[in-house]
Protein backbone atom coordinates (compact mmCIF):
# COMPACT_ATOMS: atom_id res chain seq x y z
CA MET A 1 302.65 169.77 86.33
CA LEU A 2 300.31 168.60 83.58
CA SER A 3 301.18 164.92 83.90
CA ASN A 4 302.91 162.76 86.52
CA TYR A 5 303.30 159.89 84.06
CA LYS A 6 306.93 158.97 83.31
CA GLY A 7 306.36 155.79 81.30
CA SER A 8 307.07 154.91 77.70
CA TYR A 9 303.67 155.51 76.13
CA THR A 10 303.25 158.77 74.22
CA GLY A 11 299.94 158.24 72.42
CA SER A 12 301.80 157.27 69.26
CA GLY A 13 299.47 156.36 66.40
CA GLN A 14 296.40 157.74 68.22
CA THR A 15 294.53 160.79 66.94
CA ILE A 16 292.77 163.53 68.89
CA VAL A 17 290.33 165.91 67.20
CA ILE A 18 290.22 169.50 68.46
CA ILE A 19 286.87 171.12 67.59
CA ASP A 20 287.64 174.73 68.35
CA THR A 21 288.92 177.98 66.81
CA GLY A 22 291.36 176.19 64.52
CA SER A 23 295.13 176.14 64.37
CA SER A 24 297.26 179.10 65.42
CA SER A 25 300.45 180.44 63.90
CA ASN A 26 301.48 181.53 67.41
CA TYR A 27 301.25 178.04 68.92
CA GLN A 28 302.57 175.38 66.57
CA ASN A 29 301.25 171.84 66.98
CA GLU A 30 303.19 168.76 65.92
CA ASN A 31 301.74 165.93 63.81
CA VAL A 32 298.69 167.75 62.44
CA VAL A 33 297.36 165.12 60.03
CA TYR A 34 294.21 166.92 58.83
CA SER A 35 292.36 170.20 59.25
CA TYR A 36 289.17 171.78 57.94
CA ASP A 37 287.22 175.00 58.46
CA PHE A 38 283.52 174.24 58.99
CA ALA A 39 282.76 177.93 59.64
CA ASP A 40 283.88 178.99 56.15
CA ASN A 41 283.68 175.55 54.48
CA ASP A 42 287.23 175.41 53.21
CA GLY A 43 290.46 173.57 53.93
CA ASP A 44 292.20 176.44 55.74
CA ALA A 45 291.66 175.90 59.48
CA SER A 46 294.14 178.56 60.59
CA ASN A 47 292.87 181.45 62.70
CA THR A 48 294.68 184.78 62.73
CA GLY A 49 292.54 186.32 65.46
CA VAL A 50 292.35 183.75 68.28
CA ASN A 51 294.92 181.32 69.72
CA HIS A 52 292.50 179.19 71.73
CA GLY A 53 292.43 176.06 69.55
CA GLY A 54 296.19 176.07 69.13
CA ILE A 55 296.72 176.29 72.89
CA VAL A 56 294.22 173.48 73.57
CA ALA A 57 296.12 171.20 71.17
CA ASN A 58 299.42 172.31 72.72
CA VAL A 59 298.21 171.21 76.16
CA ALA A 60 297.15 167.82 74.81
CA GLN A 61 300.55 167.29 73.22
CA GLN A 62 302.33 168.16 76.46
CA VAL A 63 300.56 165.15 78.00
CA ALA A 64 300.88 162.80 75.01
CA SER A 65 303.72 163.97 72.79
CA GLY A 66 303.20 161.29 70.14
CA ILE A 67 299.56 161.94 69.28
CA ASN A 68 298.26 163.07 65.92
CA ILE A 69 296.15 166.24 65.89
CA ILE A 70 293.16 167.12 63.72
CA HIS A 71 291.94 170.72 63.84
CA LEU A 72 288.27 171.23 62.94
CA LYS A 73 287.57 174.96 62.99
CA VAL A 74 284.02 176.02 63.87
CA PHE A 75 284.66 179.73 64.57
CA GLU A 76 285.11 182.45 62.00
CA ASP A 77 288.44 184.29 62.28
CA GLY A 78 288.57 186.41 65.43
CA ALA A 79 285.07 185.38 66.53
CA GLN A 80 284.16 184.35 70.07
CA LEU A 81 280.94 182.55 69.13
CA ALA A 82 280.42 179.43 67.05
CA HIS A 83 277.21 178.25 65.41
CA SER A 84 275.92 174.86 66.51
CA SER A 85 275.37 173.93 62.86
CA ALA A 86 279.13 174.13 62.23
CA MET A 87 279.80 172.12 65.37
CA GLU A 88 277.35 169.42 64.31
CA LYS A 89 279.01 169.15 60.89
CA ALA A 90 282.40 168.80 62.55
CA LEU A 91 281.14 166.04 64.83
CA GLN A 92 279.54 164.23 61.90
CA TRP A 93 282.88 164.37 60.07
CA VAL A 94 284.48 162.67 63.08
CA VAL A 95 281.82 159.95 63.04
CA ASP A 96 282.51 159.32 59.35
CA ASN A 97 286.30 159.33 59.70
CA THR A 98 286.95 157.66 63.08
CA ASP A 99 288.43 154.50 61.61
CA LYS A 100 290.36 156.22 58.81
CA TYR A 101 292.38 158.36 61.24
CA ASN A 102 292.22 156.08 64.32
CA ILE A 103 290.47 158.81 66.31
CA VAL A 104 290.41 157.96 70.02
CA ALA A 105 289.20 161.27 71.46
CA VAL A 106 287.38 164.48 70.50
CA ASN A 107 287.80 167.65 72.55
CA LEU A 108 285.31 170.53 72.73
CA SER A 109 286.54 173.37 74.94
CA LEU A 110 283.39 175.38 74.23
CA ALA A 111 280.71 176.45 76.64
CA SER A 112 277.23 177.88 77.04
CA GLY A 113 274.89 177.95 80.02
CA ASN A 114 274.63 176.10 83.33
CA VAL A 115 272.40 173.03 83.52
CA GLN A 116 271.73 170.35 86.14
CA THR A 117 270.30 167.62 83.90
CA PRO A 118 271.35 166.25 80.50
CA GLU A 119 270.35 168.54 77.64
CA THR A 120 269.96 167.77 73.95
CA TRP A 121 271.25 169.95 71.13
CA ALA A 122 272.00 169.66 67.42
CA GLY A 123 275.07 167.49 68.05
CA SER A 124 273.47 165.01 70.45
CA ASP A 125 273.01 162.31 67.79
CA GLU A 126 276.67 162.62 66.82
CA TYR A 127 277.66 162.40 70.48
CA LYS A 128 275.78 159.10 70.72
CA ALA A 129 277.29 157.76 67.50
CA LEU A 130 280.81 158.49 68.71
CA ASP A 131 280.04 157.00 72.11
CA ASP A 132 278.87 153.82 70.37
CA LYS A 133 282.20 153.73 68.52
CA GLY A 134 284.11 153.97 71.80
CA VAL A 135 285.47 157.46 71.11
CA VAL A 136 286.13 159.53 74.23
CA ILE A 137 284.45 162.97 73.98
CA THR A 138 285.89 165.49 76.44
CA VAL A 139 283.95 168.72 77.00
CA ALA A 140 284.96 171.64 79.22
CA SER A 141 282.44 172.14 82.03
CA GLY A 142 282.54 175.95 81.79
CA ASN A 143 284.15 178.82 83.69
CA LYS A 144 281.19 180.80 85.02
CA ALA A 145 280.67 179.25 88.45
CA GLN A 146 280.59 182.69 90.07
CA SER A 147 277.72 183.78 87.83
CA TYR A 148 275.29 181.09 88.95
CA ASP A 149 273.58 180.40 92.26
CA VAL A 150 273.57 176.62 91.74
CA ASP A 151 276.07 174.02 90.62
CA GLY A 152 275.89 172.94 86.98
CA VAL A 153 277.85 172.47 83.79
CA ASN A 154 277.76 173.99 80.34
CA TYR A 155 274.97 172.29 78.36
CA LEU A 156 277.39 170.82 75.80
CA ALA A 157 279.02 168.91 78.68
CA SER A 158 275.77 167.54 80.14
CA SER A 159 275.26 164.56 77.81
CA ASP A 160 275.64 161.01 79.12
CA SER A 161 277.79 160.33 76.05
CA VAL A 162 280.58 162.76 76.97
CA PHE A 163 283.17 163.33 79.67
CA ALA A 164 282.35 166.60 81.45
CA VAL A 165 285.69 167.93 82.72
CA SER A 166 286.01 170.47 85.54
CA ALA A 167 289.14 172.33 86.65
CA VAL A 168 291.32 172.06 89.75
CA ASN A 169 294.37 174.03 90.78
CA SER A 170 297.82 172.61 91.47
CA GLY A 171 296.74 171.81 95.03
CA GLY A 172 293.87 169.61 93.87
CA LYS A 173 291.13 172.09 94.83
CA PHE A 174 288.31 173.12 92.54
CA THR A 175 289.14 176.49 91.01
CA TRP A 176 286.88 179.40 91.83
CA PHE A 177 285.75 179.72 88.22
CA SER A 178 285.11 176.05 87.38
CA GLN A 179 281.54 174.90 86.91
CA GLN A 180 280.79 171.45 88.29
CA HIS A 181 277.84 169.26 89.19
CA LYS A 182 277.96 166.03 91.16
CA SER A 183 275.71 164.14 88.74
CA LEU A 184 277.19 165.57 85.53
CA THR A 185 280.91 166.21 86.04
CA ASP A 186 282.79 163.00 85.30
CA ILE A 187 286.38 163.95 86.09
CA ALA A 188 288.52 166.99 86.85
CA ALA A 189 292.02 167.94 85.71
CA LEU A 190 294.48 170.75 86.21
CA GLY A 191 293.03 173.97 84.81
CA LYS A 192 294.87 176.82 86.45
CA ASP A 193 298.24 178.40 85.64
CA ILE A 194 299.17 175.92 82.92
CA SER A 195 302.39 176.82 81.12
CA VAL A 196 302.32 176.95 77.32
CA THR A 197 305.12 178.14 75.06
CA ASP A 198 304.44 180.19 71.96
CA GLY A 199 306.34 180.06 68.69
CA ASN A 200 308.86 182.64 69.93
CA GLY A 201 309.76 180.59 72.98
CA VAL A 202 307.82 182.83 75.40
CA VAL A 203 306.07 180.96 78.21
CA HIS A 204 302.50 181.99 79.03
CA GLN A 205 300.21 180.94 81.90
CA VAL A 206 296.67 179.97 80.90
CA SER A 207 293.72 178.90 83.02
CA GLY A 208 290.27 177.48 82.32
CA THR A 209 288.33 174.26 81.98
CA SER A 210 289.26 174.61 78.29
CA TYR A 211 292.70 173.34 79.21
CA SER A 212 291.51 170.68 81.68
CA ALA A 213 289.53 168.83 79.01
CA PRO A 214 292.44 168.11 76.60
CA ILE A 215 294.45 166.60 79.48
CA VAL A 216 291.78 163.90 79.75
CA ALA A 217 291.62 163.46 75.96
CA ALA A 218 295.39 163.02 75.82
CA THR A 219 295.27 160.48 78.64
CA ALA A 220 292.81 158.47 76.55
CA ALA A 221 295.44 158.35 73.79
CA LEU A 222 298.08 157.07 76.24
CA VAL A 223 295.76 154.36 77.56
CA GLN A 224 294.62 153.27 74.11
CA GLU A 225 298.21 152.95 72.92
CA ALA A 226 298.90 150.78 75.97
CA ALA A 227 295.74 148.74 75.33
CA ILE A 228 296.67 148.03 71.73
CA ASN A 229 300.18 147.05 72.80
CA LEU A 230 299.16 144.85 75.75
CA LEU A 231 295.71 143.55 74.76
CA GLY A 232 295.70 143.83 70.98
CA HIS A 233 292.62 146.07 71.00
CA LYS A 234 291.38 149.37 72.38
CA ILE A 235 289.18 149.55 75.45
CA THR A 236 285.74 151.17 75.41
CA ASP A 237 285.11 154.73 76.51
CA GLU A 238 283.10 153.34 79.44
CA GLN A 239 286.10 151.26 80.54
CA PHE A 240 288.30 154.33 80.25
CA MET A 241 285.85 156.29 82.41
CA ASP A 242 285.92 153.54 85.04
CA LEU A 243 289.72 153.48 84.96
CA ILE A 244 290.34 157.19 85.49
CA GLN A 245 287.62 157.56 88.12
CA LYS A 246 288.77 154.73 90.35
CA THR A 247 292.47 155.61 90.07
CA GLY A 248 292.06 159.36 90.49
CA ASP A 249 292.57 161.57 93.53
CA LYS A 250 289.52 162.61 95.54
CA ILE A 251 288.67 166.30 95.54
CA THR A 252 287.54 167.61 98.91
CA THR A 253 287.78 171.40 98.79
CA TYR A 254 287.46 174.54 96.71
CA GLU A 255 290.16 177.16 96.48
CA SER A 256 289.42 180.48 98.16
CA GLY A 257 287.76 183.09 95.98
CA GLY A 258 290.84 184.97 94.86
CA LEU A 259 291.21 188.24 93.04
CA SER A 260 291.75 187.83 89.34
CA SER A 261 292.86 189.94 86.43
CA GLY A 262 290.12 188.55 84.23
CA ILE A 263 287.09 186.31 84.12
CA SER A 264 285.94 183.62 81.78
CA ALA A 265 285.89 184.44 78.09
CA TYR A 266 282.48 182.92 77.94
CA SER A 267 279.04 183.95 76.86
CA ALA A 268 275.67 182.32 77.09
CA GLY A 269 275.19 183.09 73.40
CA GLU A 270 271.76 183.27 71.82
CA ALA A 271 269.62 180.31 72.81
CA ASP A 272 271.34 177.19 71.49
CA SER A 273 272.55 178.69 68.24
CA ASP A 274 275.83 180.12 69.49
CA VAL A 275 278.50 178.68 71.73
CA ALA A 276 281.41 180.60 73.20
CA LEU A 277 284.99 179.80 74.03
CA SER A 278 285.38 178.44 77.53
CA SER A 279 288.66 180.03 78.56
CA TYR A 280 289.99 182.06 81.43
CA ASN A 281 293.37 183.72 81.66
CA GLY A 282 294.51 185.42 84.82
CA THR A 283 296.23 185.26 88.17
CA SER A 284 294.95 185.08 91.73
CA THR A 285 296.56 187.44 94.21
CA PRO A 286 295.05 187.56 97.72
CA THR A 287 296.24 190.70 99.49
CA PRO A 288 295.86 192.23 102.97
CA THR A 289 293.02 194.57 103.89
CA PRO A 290 294.10 198.24 104.12
CA THR A 291 292.95 200.84 106.64
CA PRO A 292 290.12 203.02 105.28
CA THR A 293 290.04 206.78 105.02
CA PRO A 294 286.76 208.71 104.86
CA THR A 295 287.41 210.78 101.76
CA THR A 296 287.17 210.10 98.03
CA PRO A 297 290.73 210.37 96.66
CA THR A 298 292.21 210.98 93.29
CA PRO A 299 292.56 207.46 91.81
CA SER A 300 295.90 205.89 92.69
CA GLU A 301 298.42 204.69 90.14
CA ASN A 302 298.97 201.55 92.27
CA ASP A 303 295.35 200.46 92.51
CA GLY A 304 295.74 197.16 90.66
CA THR A 305 295.41 195.12 93.87
CA ILE A 306 293.27 195.26 97.00
CA ALA A 307 296.30 196.49 98.94
CA GLY A 308 296.44 199.59 96.75
CA ALA A 309 292.69 200.10 96.42
CA ASN A 310 291.36 203.63 96.07
CA GLU A 311 289.53 204.67 99.26
CA LEU A 312 285.90 205.74 98.76
CA GLY A 313 285.14 205.84 102.48
CA THR A 314 281.75 205.09 104.03
CA LEU A 315 278.86 205.42 101.58
CA THR A 316 275.98 207.73 102.45
CA VAL A 317 272.57 207.78 100.80
CA GLY A 318 273.02 209.06 97.26
CA THR A 319 275.46 208.51 94.40
CA LYS A 320 279.26 208.53 94.40
CA GLU A 321 280.70 209.01 90.90
CA LEU A 322 284.22 208.87 89.52
CA SER A 323 285.98 208.53 86.18
CA ASN A 324 289.19 206.75 85.31
CA SER A 325 290.77 204.64 82.58
CA LEU A 326 292.30 201.21 82.00
CA HIS A 327 294.96 200.00 79.60
CA LYS A 328 295.60 196.38 78.68
CA GLU A 329 299.38 196.57 79.14
CA THR A 330 300.00 199.26 81.74
CA ASP A 331 296.92 199.46 84.00
CA ASN A 332 294.44 196.62 83.60
CA GLN A 333 292.69 196.77 87.00
CA ASP A 334 291.39 199.45 89.34
CA TYR A 335 290.20 198.53 92.86
CA PHE A 336 288.01 200.74 95.06
CA ARG A 337 287.32 200.21 98.74
CA PHE A 338 284.08 201.33 100.39
CA SER A 339 282.19 200.69 103.61
CA LEU A 340 278.60 200.60 104.83
CA SER A 341 277.73 201.64 108.38
CA GLU A 342 274.42 199.77 108.13
CA SER A 343 272.92 197.22 105.79
CA GLY A 344 271.47 198.59 102.56
CA THR A 345 271.12 198.23 98.80
CA VAL A 346 273.90 199.49 96.54
CA ASP A 347 273.49 200.04 92.79
CA PHE A 348 276.68 199.64 90.75
CA ALA A 349 277.03 201.05 87.21
CA LEU A 350 279.94 201.10 84.76
CA THR A 351 279.49 203.17 81.59
CA GLY A 352 281.36 204.98 78.81
CA LEU A 353 283.34 201.92 77.67
CA SER A 354 285.25 201.34 74.44
CA SER A 355 286.50 197.85 75.30
CA ASP A 356 285.44 194.72 77.19
CA VAL A 357 285.61 195.54 80.90
CA ASP A 358 284.16 193.74 83.94
CA LEU A 359 282.81 195.09 87.23
CA ASN A 360 283.44 192.70 90.13
CA LEU A 361 282.42 192.96 93.78
CA TYR A 362 284.42 191.42 96.65
CA SER A 363 284.01 191.00 100.41
CA ALA A 364 286.45 192.42 102.96
CA ASN A 365 288.41 189.16 102.71
CA GLY A 366 288.66 189.31 98.93
CA LEU A 367 286.00 186.66 98.30
CA VAL A 368 283.91 187.13 95.17
CA ILE A 369 280.36 188.35 95.80
CA LYS A 370 279.39 189.26 92.24
CA LYS A 371 281.00 188.92 88.82
CA GLY A 372 279.54 191.67 86.65
CA TRP A 373 280.16 191.35 82.92
CA GLU A 374 278.69 191.74 79.46
CA TRP A 375 279.98 190.56 76.11
CA GLY A 376 281.92 193.40 74.46
CA ALA A 377 282.06 197.13 75.22
CA VAL A 378 278.66 197.15 76.93
CA ASP A 379 277.55 199.06 80.05
CA ILE A 380 277.30 196.96 83.21
CA SER A 381 274.90 197.52 86.10
CA TYR A 382 273.55 195.50 89.01
CA SER A 383 272.28 195.91 92.59
CA LYS A 384 273.31 194.04 95.74
CA ASN A 385 271.86 193.95 99.25
CA LEU A 386 274.87 194.25 101.55
CA ASP A 387 275.44 194.06 105.30
CA ALA A 388 277.34 196.71 107.21
CA GLY A 389 281.04 196.20 106.54
CA THR A 390 283.86 196.74 104.07
CA TYR A 391 283.81 195.83 100.37
CA TYR A 392 285.87 196.19 97.22
CA VAL A 393 284.68 196.85 93.68
CA ALA A 394 287.10 196.26 90.81
CA VAL A 395 287.02 197.56 87.25
CA ASP A 396 288.82 194.89 85.28
CA TYR A 397 290.07 195.00 81.66
CA PHE A 398 289.12 191.76 79.92
CA ASP A 399 291.03 191.94 76.60
CA GLY A 400 288.08 192.09 74.23
CA VAL A 401 288.88 190.76 70.78
CA ASN A 402 288.95 193.45 68.08
CA LEU A 403 288.27 196.18 70.66
CA ASP A 404 290.45 198.99 72.01
CA ILE A 405 293.42 198.04 74.17
CA GLY A 406 292.41 200.79 76.57
CA THR A 407 289.21 202.49 77.69
CA ASP A 408 287.94 205.38 79.76
CA TYR A 409 285.09 204.57 82.13
CA ASP A 410 282.59 206.14 84.50
CA LEU A 411 281.83 204.28 87.71
CA SER A 412 278.97 205.06 90.07
CA LEU A 413 277.93 203.57 93.41
CA THR A 414 274.46 204.54 94.64
CA LEU A 415 273.38 203.76 98.19
CA ASN A 416 269.59 203.67 98.34
CA GLY A 417 267.83 204.89 101.46
CA PRO A 418 266.91 204.36 104.06
CA VAL A 419 269.94 202.59 105.45
CA GLY A 420 268.98 199.77 107.75
CA GLY A 421 266.93 197.74 105.28
CA GLU A 422 266.99 193.99 105.02
CA PRO A 423 270.53 192.69 105.57
CA THR A 424 272.16 189.86 103.71
CA PRO A 425 270.79 186.75 105.48
CA THR A 426 273.16 184.93 107.84
CA PRO A 427 272.63 181.86 110.04
CA ASP A 428 271.20 182.65 113.49
CA PRO A 429 273.25 180.87 116.17
CA THR A 430 270.69 181.63 118.89
CA PRO A 431 268.46 178.63 119.73
CA ALA A 432 264.78 179.11 119.00
CA PRO A 433 262.94 180.09 122.21
CA THR A 434 260.16 177.56 121.64
CA PRO A 435 260.20 174.07 120.11
CA GLU A 436 258.58 173.14 116.84
CA PRO A 437 254.80 172.54 117.09
CA ASP A 438 255.13 168.78 116.71
CA PRO A 439 257.87 167.53 119.07
CA THR A 440 256.87 163.88 118.81
CA PRO A 441 256.46 162.84 115.16
CA ALA A 442 255.68 159.32 114.12
CA PRO A 443 258.85 157.19 114.32
CA THR A 444 258.68 156.19 110.66
CA PRO A 445 256.83 158.51 108.26
CA ASP A 446 254.98 157.49 105.15
CA LEU A 447 257.52 158.12 102.41
CA SER A 448 256.58 160.27 99.45
CA GLU A 449 256.99 159.18 95.84
CA ASN A 450 257.93 162.77 94.91
CA ASP A 451 260.79 163.19 97.36
CA ASP A 452 263.57 163.80 94.83
CA THR A 453 263.63 167.56 95.53
CA ILE A 454 263.72 169.66 98.67
CA ALA A 455 260.19 170.84 97.88
CA GLY A 456 258.93 167.25 98.08
CA ALA A 457 261.05 166.16 101.03
CA ASN A 458 259.70 163.58 103.46
CA GLU A 459 258.86 165.19 106.82
CA LEU A 460 260.68 163.68 109.81
CA GLY A 461 259.53 166.37 112.23
CA THR A 462 261.54 167.67 115.18
CA LEU A 463 264.24 165.30 116.38
CA THR A 464 264.22 164.26 120.04
CA VAL A 465 267.09 162.59 121.88
CA GLY A 466 267.48 159.09 120.47
CA THR A 467 267.48 157.48 117.04
CA LYS A 468 265.06 157.84 114.14
CA GLU A 469 265.34 154.98 111.62
CA LEU A 470 263.79 154.38 108.22
CA SER A 471 264.32 152.18 105.17
CA ASN A 472 263.81 152.93 101.50
CA SER A 473 265.35 152.31 98.09
CA LEU A 474 266.83 154.17 95.12
CA HIS A 475 266.97 153.37 91.43
CA LYS A 476 269.29 155.01 88.89
CA GLU A 477 266.58 155.62 86.29
CA THR A 478 263.32 155.99 88.21
CA ASP A 479 264.15 157.29 91.70
CA ASN A 480 267.72 158.51 92.18
CA GLN A 481 267.27 160.87 95.14
CA ASP A 482 265.32 160.89 98.41
CA TYR A 483 265.15 164.07 100.54
CA PHE A 484 264.16 164.18 104.23
CA GLN A 485 263.37 167.31 106.25
CA PHE A 486 264.00 167.49 109.99
CA SER A 487 264.21 170.18 112.65
CA LEU A 488 266.07 170.81 115.90
CA SER A 489 264.48 172.84 118.71
CA GLU A 490 267.92 173.48 120.24
CA SER A 491 271.50 173.12 119.09
CA GLY A 492 272.95 169.63 119.35
CA THR A 493 274.96 166.88 117.72
CA VAL A 494 273.32 164.61 115.15
CA ASP A 495 274.85 161.33 113.98
CA PHE A 496 273.94 160.32 110.42
CA ALA A 497 274.35 156.74 109.14
CA LEU A 498 273.52 155.11 105.80
CA THR A 499 273.87 151.31 105.61
CA GLY A 500 272.73 148.23 103.69
CA LEU A 501 273.92 149.47 100.29
CA SER A 502 274.48 147.54 97.06
CA SER A 503 275.55 150.52 94.95
CA ASP A 504 277.40 153.83 95.26
CA VAL A 505 275.14 156.19 97.21
CA ASP A 506 275.90 159.50 98.93
CA LEU A 507 274.46 161.08 102.07
CA ASN A 508 274.33 164.87 101.87
CA LEU A 509 273.24 167.43 104.46
CA TYR A 510 271.75 170.84 103.57
CA ASN A 511 270.59 173.87 105.52
CA GLU A 512 267.07 175.27 105.21
CA ASN A 513 268.10 177.31 102.15
CA GLY A 514 269.40 174.24 100.33
CA LEU A 515 273.09 175.09 100.81
CA VAL A 516 275.45 172.18 101.35
CA ILE A 517 276.66 171.65 104.93
CA LYS A 518 278.21 168.21 104.45
CA ASN A 519 278.85 165.93 101.48
CA GLY A 520 279.01 162.41 102.85
CA TRP A 521 280.42 159.81 100.49
CA GLU A 522 282.61 156.76 100.14
CA TRP A 523 283.95 155.10 97.01
CA GLY A 524 281.64 152.20 96.08
CA ALA A 525 278.85 150.45 98.00
CA VAL A 526 280.27 151.41 101.39
CA ASP A 527 278.41 152.49 104.54
CA ILE A 528 278.52 156.23 105.26
CA SER A 529 278.45 157.86 108.69
CA TYR A 530 279.33 161.25 110.15
CA SER A 531 278.35 163.63 112.95
CA GLU A 532 277.49 167.31 112.74
CA ASN A 533 276.97 169.98 115.42
CA LEU A 534 273.87 171.87 114.33
CA ASP A 535 272.01 174.95 115.51
CA ALA A 536 268.29 175.00 116.16
CA GLY A 537 266.52 175.16 112.82
CA THR A 538 265.42 173.18 109.78
CA TYR A 539 267.65 170.89 107.71
CA TYR A 540 267.49 168.43 104.84
CA VAL A 541 269.36 165.17 104.42
CA ALA A 542 269.44 163.54 100.98
CA VAL A 543 270.22 159.97 99.96
CA ASP A 544 271.63 160.32 96.47
CA TYR A 545 272.41 157.61 93.86
CA PHE A 546 275.87 158.25 92.42
CA ASP A 547 275.97 155.80 89.47
CA GLY A 548 278.69 153.46 90.69
CA VAL A 549 280.51 151.68 87.86
CA ASN A 550 279.95 147.91 87.78
CA LEU A 551 277.49 148.13 90.70
CA ASP A 552 273.73 147.65 90.92
CA ILE A 553 271.54 150.25 89.22
CA GLY A 554 269.37 150.26 92.32
CA THR A 555 269.82 149.73 96.05
CA ASP A 556 267.89 149.40 99.27
CA TYR A 557 269.18 151.45 102.18
CA ASP A 558 268.74 152.03 105.90
CA LEU A 559 269.02 155.60 107.15
CA SER A 560 269.32 156.64 110.78
CA LEU A 561 269.49 160.05 112.48
CA THR A 562 270.56 160.05 116.13
CA LEU A 563 270.24 163.17 118.27
CA ASN A 564 272.66 162.99 121.19
CA ASP A 565 271.87 164.53 124.58
CA LEU A 566 274.05 167.57 123.93
CA ALA A 567 271.31 170.08 123.15
CA GLY A 568 272.44 173.59 123.93
CA GLY A 569 276.05 172.90 122.92
CA GLU A 570 278.25 174.84 120.54
CA PRO A 571 276.42 176.30 117.54
CA THR A 572 277.28 175.42 113.96
CA PRO A 573 280.31 177.51 112.91
CA GLU A 574 280.03 180.12 110.17
CA PRO A 575 280.67 178.76 106.65
CA THR A 576 284.29 178.97 105.53
CA PRO A 577 285.46 180.02 102.07
CA GLU A 578 286.66 176.48 101.40
CA PRO A 579 283.65 174.17 101.92
CA GLU A 580 284.00 170.47 101.56
CA GLY A 581 284.02 169.46 97.93
CA PRO A 582 281.08 167.99 96.07
CA VAL A 583 280.44 164.31 96.44
CA GLY A 584 282.36 161.76 94.42
CA TYR A 585 284.52 164.20 92.48
CA THR A 586 287.88 162.92 91.31
CA GLN A 587 290.95 164.49 89.73
CA ILE A 588 292.64 162.45 87.03
CA ASN A 589 295.93 160.81 88.07
CA ILE A 590 297.57 159.74 84.83
CA ALA A 591 300.38 157.71 86.37
CA ASN A 592 297.96 155.81 88.60
CA ALA A 593 295.65 155.09 85.66
CA LEU A 594 298.41 153.62 83.48
CA ALA A 595 299.90 151.63 86.37
CA TYR A 596 296.53 150.14 87.34
CA PHE A 597 295.73 149.31 83.74
CA GLU A 598 299.03 147.47 83.22
CA GLU A 599 298.57 145.52 86.47
CA ASN A 600 294.92 144.57 85.86
CA LEU A 601 294.72 143.73 82.17
CA ASP A 602 292.20 140.95 82.77
CA ASP A 603 289.66 143.58 83.84
CA TYR A 604 289.86 145.10 80.35
CA ALA A 605 290.36 142.01 78.20
CA VAL A 606 286.69 141.85 77.21
CA VAL A 607 285.06 144.82 75.50
């Protein structure tokens, strides 16, 4: 369900600009009041090759049926890349025409890259100008989470002037493809299996952060209509941000890495000159693990799922080759199951293509290990160090624009010798036989000024039974993170507590490789505490400024770590495929936002 709002506001009189591929004859939009093609510099913003912009506008109008739509086309017909110069011109047009058309929101469901800090680009000045006018700018966070080792968002979504929007599924979990970053993502919205109806009445399911972003833009139109009706003026984009964040639903988990029939239609482009569509269309179908056979079979006709995967048996040193074909409509996926008797390095190669095909690697449980893709009918190759066990590799038709609807392919898997090389690293549950060299560190260390990364973390030494306490401060602009490194000589339970806060601060726990073990957070300037059973080893705890709305831009804090006398207890369990969600993330709740706004008008009377 796109919206749980059942009230009377429809966004009537409010205008949303869709900067995208233009209008589509296959997906009609109501109330289109203006359109322009900045790619070809003419007044025809229709696109015969791509439906993306039409679908984005369709989603917005499902949430706010009374809105006006403006299509600004920045892609040439059928193209998957847009030039930033065209995008900047489109944004400048919005700046110049905000008042004329009563523009309340601009949506860019376009993506490139994965960044962790705000980036500037050709349209940054226009972003700022629209922000100053109170226009809500919604930008899709990107769909390539599986392609990056760290959290982040598409660089167009990283600006402080925009709303970076990530995607959740119908259960309120982050989708496997959605990019997100705790300091950059502002809000999340439904972005998986959204129903849209084409001009022939056929219902299609679409997925991607592309379709999450217009939900937020449309909500802005609903709220601004209510504001004009109840207050006599619109609220600022900052007030709108505050409203949807504090009335939203907390996100605590990710969905399991499912098997998909496609990956993000997204490309990093060439430097900052090109930006790609941020869209994903597909389904997720977890299936049971079959029993292996040791021989290489003739490819099955029912190999479109893990359950029907072709059996390649146990790999031996050397190359296993096979040839097959895919077809968009009749056979768009081929799965192959293989095993390793020992850890080793496997080279994967997919060649001989005439269309856009992906090569994806999955664990025995169907969790994504590697998304292998190139833009267009381009060979794909990569290597992975794998433990002994069972795996699946899938050749996946992606529906390349202006390419063949079918393709032959050659797939090879090469196991390099000798088997028994370095395995994929896993946590060691066995306690270290000897303690760390310094079992009695100073009770309160001298705190570093460069402790905002793991590399510069303050050293707390090896914890002993009892409590280690320290005090410090954070500031939004000059010092927004403090990291602390500590060790355990044996497994045990550690209590973490963060108190004395005057702003919204998080307390996050990481393993020695920087992977999140626990995201500790509360909404607002609220004390945080939790306990974790940890193995012997090295860990990092971070105190992290979250940018609480209407709270101090800096805060003092008191941090304590208490090791209980349970050393030698149960080890830390293996990570699960659904880790706790990133800190402070919220899914928009449209009904809650409108209800809170109507009940608390005094909070928004002054702009």
